[in-house]
Structure formats: C-alpha cells, structure tokens
C-alpha atoms as a PDB file:
ATOM      1  CA  MET A   1      24.970  -4.205  -0.218  1.00  0.00           C
ATOM      2  CA  GLU A   2      23.357  -7.588  -0.760  1.00  0.00           C
ATOM      3  CA  LEU A   3      20.799  -8.746   1.817  1.00  0.00           C
ATOM      4  CA  THR A   4      19.742 -12.341   2.223  1.00  0.00           C
ATOM      5  CA  GLU A   5      16.035 -13.117   2.282  1.00  0.00           C
ATOM      6  CA  GLN A   6      16.173 -13.641   6.043  1.00  0.00           C
ATOM      7  CA  GLU A   7      18.042 -10.344   6.615  1.00  0.00           C
ATOM      8  CA  PHE A   8      15.429  -8.595   4.474  1.00  0.00           C
ATOM      9  CA  LEU A   9      12.563 -10.161   6.453  1.00  0.00           C
ATOM     10  CA  ASN A  10      14.209  -9.218   9.755  1.00  0.00           C
ATOM     11  CA  LYS A  11      14.574  -5.591   8.665  1.00  0.00           C
ATOM     12  CA  ILE A  12      10.976  -5.486   7.433  1.00  0.00           C
ATOM     13  CA  THR A  13       9.779  -6.888  10.768  1.00  0.00           C
ATOM     14  CA  ILE A  14      11.831  -4.363  12.738  1.00  0.00           C
ATOM     15  CA  HIS A  15      10.473  -1.442  10.694  1.00  0.00           C
ATOM     16  CA  LYS A  16       6.934  -2.735  10.019  1.00  0.00           C
ATOM     17  CA  GLY A  17       5.451   0.349  11.687  1.00  0.00           C
ATOM     18  CA  ILE A  18       6.630   2.467   8.755  1.00  0.00           C
ATOM     19  CA  ILE A  19       4.583   0.406   6.329  1.00  0.00           C
ATOM     20  CA  HIS A  20       1.446   0.462   8.461  1.00  0.00           C
ATOM     21  CA  LYS A  21       1.681   4.213   9.063  1.00  0.00           C
ATOM     22  CA  VAL A  22       2.121   4.989   5.373  1.00  0.00           C
ATOM     23  CA  SER A  23      -0.830   2.782   4.444  1.00  0.00           C
ATOM     24  CA  ARG A  24      -2.995   4.359   7.124  1.00  0.00           C
ATOM     25  CA  ILE A  25      -2.160   7.855   5.954  1.00  0.00           C
ATOM     26  CA  TYR A  26      -3.239   7.110   2.388  1.00  0.00           C
ATOM     27  CA  PHE A  27      -6.304   4.899   2.962  1.00  0.00           C
ATOM     28  CA  GLU A  28      -9.164   4.763   5.465  1.00  0.00           C
ATOM     29  CA  ASP A  29     -10.554   1.432   4.311  1.00  0.00           C
ATOM     30  CA  ALA A  30      -8.872  -1.578   5.967  1.00  0.00           C
ATOM     31  CA  ALA A  31      -8.895  -3.638   2.749  1.00  0.00           C
ATOM     32  CA  ASP A  32      -7.231  -0.811   0.799  1.00  0.00           C
ATOM     33  CA  ARG A  33      -4.659  -0.393   3.563  1.00  0.00           C
ATOM     34  CA  GLU A  34      -3.854  -4.100   3.484  1.00  0.00           C
ATOM     35  CA  ASP A  35      -3.512  -3.984  -0.321  1.00  0.00           C
ATOM     36  CA  LEU A  36      -1.095  -1.078   0.021  1.00  0.00           C
ATOM     37  CA  VAL A  37       0.886  -2.860   2.770  1.00  0.00           C
ATOM     38  CA  GLN A  38       1.312  -5.837   0.457  1.00  0.00           C
ATOM     39  CA  GLU A  39       2.282  -3.591  -2.466  1.00  0.00           C
ATOM     40  CA  ILE A  40       4.882  -1.773  -0.356  1.00  0.00           C
ATOM     41  CA  ILE A  41       6.390  -5.067   0.821  1.00  0.00           C
ATOM     42  CA  LEU A  42       6.451  -6.308  -2.764  1.00  0.00           C
ATOM     43  CA  GLN A  43       8.183  -3.140  -3.985  1.00  0.00           C
ATOM     44  CA  LEU A  44      10.674  -3.322  -1.127  1.00  0.00           C
ATOM     45  CA  TRP A  45      11.433  -6.943  -2.040  1.00  0.00           C
ATOM     46  CA  LYS A  46      11.775  -6.120  -5.744  1.00  0.00           C
ATOM     47  CA  SER A  47      14.051  -3.153  -5.097  1.00  0.00           C
ATOM     48  CA  VAL A  48      16.102  -4.427  -2.151  1.00  0.00           C
ATOM     49  CA  LYS A  49      19.084  -4.843  -4.484  1.00  0.00           C
ATOM     50  CA  SER A  50      19.063  -1.063  -4.974  1.00  0.00           C
ATOM     51  CA  PHE A  51      19.684  -0.549  -1.254  1.00  0.00           C
ATOM     52  CA  ASN A  52      23.372   0.298  -1.188  1.00  0.00           C
ATOM     53  CA  GLY A  53      23.853   0.862   2.538  1.00  0.00           C
ATOM     54  CA  LYS A  54      24.759   4.555   2.142  1.00  0.00           C
ATOM     55  CA  SER A  55      21.709   5.471   4.217  1.00  0.00           C
ATOM     56  CA  GLN A  56      19.905   3.660   6.984  1.00  0.00           C
ATOM     57  CA  PHE A  57      17.607   0.860   5.854  1.00  0.00           C
ATOM     58  CA  SER A  58      14.658   2.660   7.459  1.00  0.00           C
ATOM     59  CA  SER A  59      15.344   5.848   5.444  1.00  0.00           C
ATOM     60  CA  TRP A  60      15.481   3.868   2.211  1.00  0.00           C
ATOM     61  CA  MET A  61      12.331   2.041   3.286  1.00  0.00           C
ATOM     62  CA  TYR A  62      10.496   5.357   3.878  1.00  0.00           C
ATOM     63  CA  ARG A  63      11.335   6.525   0.365  1.00  0.00           C
ATOM     64  CA  VAL A  64      10.189   3.274  -1.246  1.00  0.00           C
ATOM     65  CA  ALA A  65       7.024   3.126   0.896  1.00  0.00           C
ATOM     66  CA  LEU A  66       6.024   6.733   0.183  1.00  0.00           C
ATOM     67  CA  ASN A  67       6.735   6.471  -3.534  1.00  0.00           C
ATOM     68  CA  THR A  68       4.791   3.215  -3.706  1.00  0.00           C
ATOM     69  CA  ALA A  69       1.864   4.746  -1.807  1.00  0.00           C
ATOM     70  CA  ILE A  70       1.724   7.780  -4.078  1.00  0.00           C
ATOM     71  CA  VAL A  71       1.756   5.638  -7.231  1.00  0.00           C
ATOM     72  CA  PHE A  72      -0.672   3.113  -5.740  1.00  0.00           C
ATOM     73  CA  PHE A  73      -3.025   5.894  -4.654  1.00  0.00           C
ATOM     74  CA  LYS A  74      -3.098   7.319  -8.193  1.00  0.00           C
ATOM     75  CA  LYS A  75      -4.040   4.027  -9.824  1.00  0.00           C
ATOM     76  CA  GLU A  76      -7.689   3.647 -10.684  1.00  0.00           C
ATOM     77  CA  LYS A  77      -7.385  -0.079 -11.121  1.00  0.00           C
ATOM     78  CA  ARG A  78      -4.963  -2.221  -9.206  1.00  0.00           C
ATOM     79  CA  LYS A  79      -3.483  -4.905 -11.385  1.00  0.00           C
ATOM     80  CA  PRO A  80      -2.010  -7.878  -9.549  1.00  0.00           C
ATOM     81  CA  ASP A  81       1.595  -8.604 -10.308  1.00  0.00           C
ATOM     82  CA  ASN A  82       2.739 -12.146 -10.930  1.00  0.00           C
ATOM     83  CA  TYR A  83       5.798 -11.598  -8.760  1.00  0.00           C
ATOM     84  CA  LYS A  84       5.827 -14.179  -5.931  1.00  0.00           C
ATOM     85  CA  MET A  85       6.390 -12.959  -2.391  1.00  0.00           C
ATOM     86  CA  PRO A  86       7.901 -15.263   0.216  1.00  0.00           C
ATOM     87  CA  GLU A  87       4.967 -17.015   1.920  1.00  0.00           C
ATOM     88  CA  HIS A  88       6.231 -16.423   5.433  1.00  0.00           C
ATOM     89  CA  VAL A  89       6.106 -12.605   5.258  1.00  0.00           C
ATOM     90  CA  GLN A  90       3.587 -11.547   7.874  1.00  0.00           C
ATOM     91  CA  LEU A  91       3.401  -8.270   9.703  1.00  0.00           C
ATOM     92  CA  ALA A  92       1.728  -8.002  13.094  1.00  0.00           C
ATOM     93  CA  GLN A  93      -0.663  -5.150  13.748  1.00  0.00           C
ATOM     94  CA  GLU A  94       0.469  -2.597  16.329  1.00  0.00           C
ATOM     95  CA  ASP A  95      -1.410  -2.581  19.644  1.00  0.00           C
ATOM     96  CA  TYR A  96      -3.052   0.638  20.842  1.00  0.00           C
ATOM     97  CA  SER A  97      -5.234   1.576  23.795  1.00  0.00           C
ATOM     98  CA  ASP A  98      -8.850   2.517  23.007  1.00  0.00           C
ATOM     99  CA  GLU A  99      -8.206   6.192  23.758  1.00  0.00           C
ATOM    100  CA  LYS A 100      -5.098   6.295  21.604  1.00  0.00           C
ATOM    101  CA  GLU A 101      -6.931   4.451  18.834  1.00  0.00           C
ATOM    102  CA  GLN A 102      -9.719   7.073  18.876  1.00  0.00           C
ATOM    103  CA  GLN A 103      -7.180   9.903  18.723  1.00  0.00           C
ATOM    104  CA  LEU A 104      -5.401   8.184  15.844  1.00  0.00           C
ATOM    105  CA  LYS A 105      -8.680   7.672  13.975  1.00  0.00           C
ATOM    106  CA  ALA A 106      -9.465  11.384  14.304  1.00  0.00           C
ATOM    107  CA  PHE A 107      -5.958  12.314  13.178  1.00  0.00           C
ATOM    108  CA  TYR A 108      -5.975   9.944  10.192  1.00  0.00           C
ATOM    109  CA  LYS A 109      -9.471  11.088   9.214  1.00  0.00           C
ATOM    110  CA  ALA A 110      -8.121  14.629   9.046  1.00  0.00           C
ATOM    111  CA  VAL A 111      -5.000  13.508   7.163  1.00  0.00           C
ATOM    112  CA  HIS A 112      -7.189  11.883   4.498  1.00  0.00           C
ATOM    113  CA  GLU A 113      -8.332  15.371   3.519  1.00  0.00           C
ATOM    114  CA  LEU A 114      -4.763  16.405   2.647  1.00  0.00           C
ATOM    115  CA  ASN A 115      -3.311  15.992  -0.835  1.00  0.00           C
ATOM    116  CA  LYS A 116      -0.664  13.345  -1.494  1.00  0.00           C
ATOM    117  CA  ILE A 117       2.322  15.685  -1.035  1.00  0.00           C
ATOM    118  CA  GLU A 118       0.882  17.122   2.186  1.00  0.00           C
ATOM    119  CA  LYS A 119       0.387  13.556   3.448  1.00  0.00           C
ATOM    120  CA  ALA A 120       4.019  12.687   2.694  1.00  0.00           C
ATOM    121  CA  LEU A 121       5.219  15.880   4.392  1.00  0.00           C
ATOM    122  CA  ILE A 122       3.200  15.402   7.565  1.00  0.00           C
ATOM    123  CA  PHE A 123       4.093  11.718   7.777  1.00  0.00           C
ATOM    124  CA  GLN A 124       7.808  12.390   7.611  1.00  0.00           C
ATOM    125  CA  PHE A 125       7.467  15.300  10.033  1.00  0.00           C
ATOM    126  CA  ILE A 126       5.736  13.175  12.686  1.00  0.00           C
ATOM    127  CA  GLU A 127       8.350  10.491  12.143  1.00  0.00           C
ATOM    128  CA  GLY A 128      11.033  13.015  13.134  1.00  0.00           C
ATOM    129  CA  PHE A 129      12.723  13.562   9.793  1.00  0.00           C
ATOM    130  CA  SER A 130      14.654  16.804   9.446  1.00  0.00           C
ATOM    131  CA  GLY A 131      13.690  19.362   6.821  1.00  0.00           C
ATOM    132  CA  GLU A 132      16.759  18.393   4.804  1.00  0.00           C
ATOM    133  CA  GLU A 133      15.840  14.685   4.943  1.00  0.00           C
ATOM    134  CA  ILE A 134      12.262  15.418   3.873  1.00  0.00           C
ATOM    135  CA  ALA A 135      13.548  17.613   1.050  1.00  0.00           C
ATOM    136  CA  LYS A 136      15.842  14.856  -0.166  1.00  0.00           C
ATOM    137  CA  ASN A 137      13.128  12.192   0.086  1.00  0.00           C
ATOM    138  CA  LEU A 138      10.573  14.275  -1.819  1.00  0.00           C
ATOM    139  CA  GLY A 139      12.909  16.009  -4.259  1.00  0.00           C
ATOM    140  CA  MET A 140      12.156  19.489  -2.932  1.00  0.00           C
ATOM    141  CA  SER A 141      14.274  22.312  -1.589  1.00  0.00           C
ATOM    142  CA  PRO A 142      14.532  22.619   2.216  1.00  0.00           C
ATOM    143  CA  VAL A 143      12.953  26.101   2.029  1.00  0.00           C
ATOM    144  CA  ASN A 144      10.007  24.728   0.039  1.00  0.00           C
ATOM    145  CA  VAL A 145       9.617  21.914   2.588  1.00  0.00           C
ATOM    146  CA  ARG A 146       9.490  24.396   5.490  1.00  0.00           C
ATOM    147  CA  VAL A 147       6.885  26.559   3.751  1.00  0.00           C
ATOM    148  CA  LYS A 148       4.711  23.624   2.652  1.00  0.00           C
ATOM    149  CA  LEU A 149       5.047  21.892   6.020  1.00  0.00           C
ATOM    150  CA  ASN A 150       3.937  25.012   7.909  1.00  0.00           C
ATOM    151  CA  ARG A 151       0.955  25.402   5.582  1.00  0.00           C
ATOM    152  CA  THR A 152       0.122  21.710   5.929  1.00  0.00           C
ATOM    153  CA  LYS A 153       0.250  21.807   9.733  1.00  0.00           C
ATOM    154  CA  LYS A 154      -2.021  24.855   9.730  1.00  0.00           C
ATOM    155  CA  LYS A 155      -4.420  23.147   7.313  1.00  0.00           C
ATOM    156  CA  LEU A 156      -4.442  19.977   9.428  1.00  0.00           C
ATOM    157  CA  LYS A 157      -5.237  21.973  12.583  1.00  0.00           C
ATOM    158  CA  GLU A 158      -8.156  23.635  10.801  1.00  0.00           C
ATOM    159  CA  ILE A 159      -9.507  20.283   9.591  1.00  0.00           C
ATOM    160  CA  ILE A 160      -9.288  18.793  13.087  1.00  0.00           C
ATOM    161  CA  LYS A 161     -10.930  21.893  14.562  1.00  0.00           C
ATOM    162  CA  LYS A 162     -13.820  21.576  12.068  1.00  0.00           C
ATOM    163  CA  GLN A 163     -14.178  17.855  12.850  1.00  0.00           C
ATOM    164  CA  SER A 164     -14.327  18.432  16.602  1.00  0.00           C
ATOM    165  CA  HIS A 165     -16.973  21.126  16.194  1.00  0.00           C
ATOM    166  CA  GLY A 166     -19.028  18.996  13.810  1.00  0.00           C
ATOM    167  CA  PHE A 167     -18.928  21.394  10.856  1.00  0.00           C
END
C-alpha cells in the first residue's frame, strides 16, 4: 500500500498522540522527548513503504514507535542521520488541565522506574490493546504478556504508593 507524502502527514497528524505518549513514557526530559519524537517520525517516514495495509495504520505506527523508542533509549550517543524530513512536519502538543497534567506527571514519573519491556506493556495496555495484540507487537506469547502485565501493574502501583508517601 503506497501512501503519498500528504496521506502520510495526515495519518501522522491524526495519530500524533501515539508518538507523544511513547516519548513521554521513555523520557522525562523535554529535550530528550522531542529528540525521540523526531526519531520516531523519521523512522515512520523511512519505513512507510513497509506498511502493507493488512493492519490499521495506528497499529503499525505503535510497533514502529515502540521499537524506535527501545532502540533510541539504548543508544548512549545519538548520531544524527542525514535523511531529510519534510519541513512542514509539525506536531501540536496535546492540551491538558493543570490537575490532569499533575496526575500525568506522577504517572510518568512512576513509569520511568519500569524497564523498557514493562514500559511497552503498560503503554499498550493503557492504549486498550488486547493481550493478543500486545503479544504480537512485542513478540511474546499471550500467556507471558498476561503474567508480565499483571506483575508490571502491581509494580507500578507500588511505585506510585511510595511516591505519594514520600519514601
């Protein structure tokens, strides 16, 4: 399935929340998050020809974004690529109320204490993916996903509990 540049940009704009959520899960620092957003967009652009239309664009985008984030997170030094992105690619920041923003900060602070697989699991869970979809996206068995997801949720609750009690 071949997408034109404009079709690609439209789909990225529609699903921009995916990119921002993935970047926020993996990095606290705004500059690092922005670097990751740009890297995800670049990887999506480079690999858009691999999108065959057998799944929804957003599902394919999740896989590319998560894989990019995991690789990007592992890198000690980020080397700029000479691949040119279209200049008019801009993603607007999502608007949140102050209360919601504070809750999100607390949640993301807790998520930063998870390992990279736990982060990917919890992200896909809160996005409403089924166990089978998560398993497929991460190359795990559905049983393994259920076990790891339950452990991750329990771990996340404990981290949040410690944060709220100031331990």
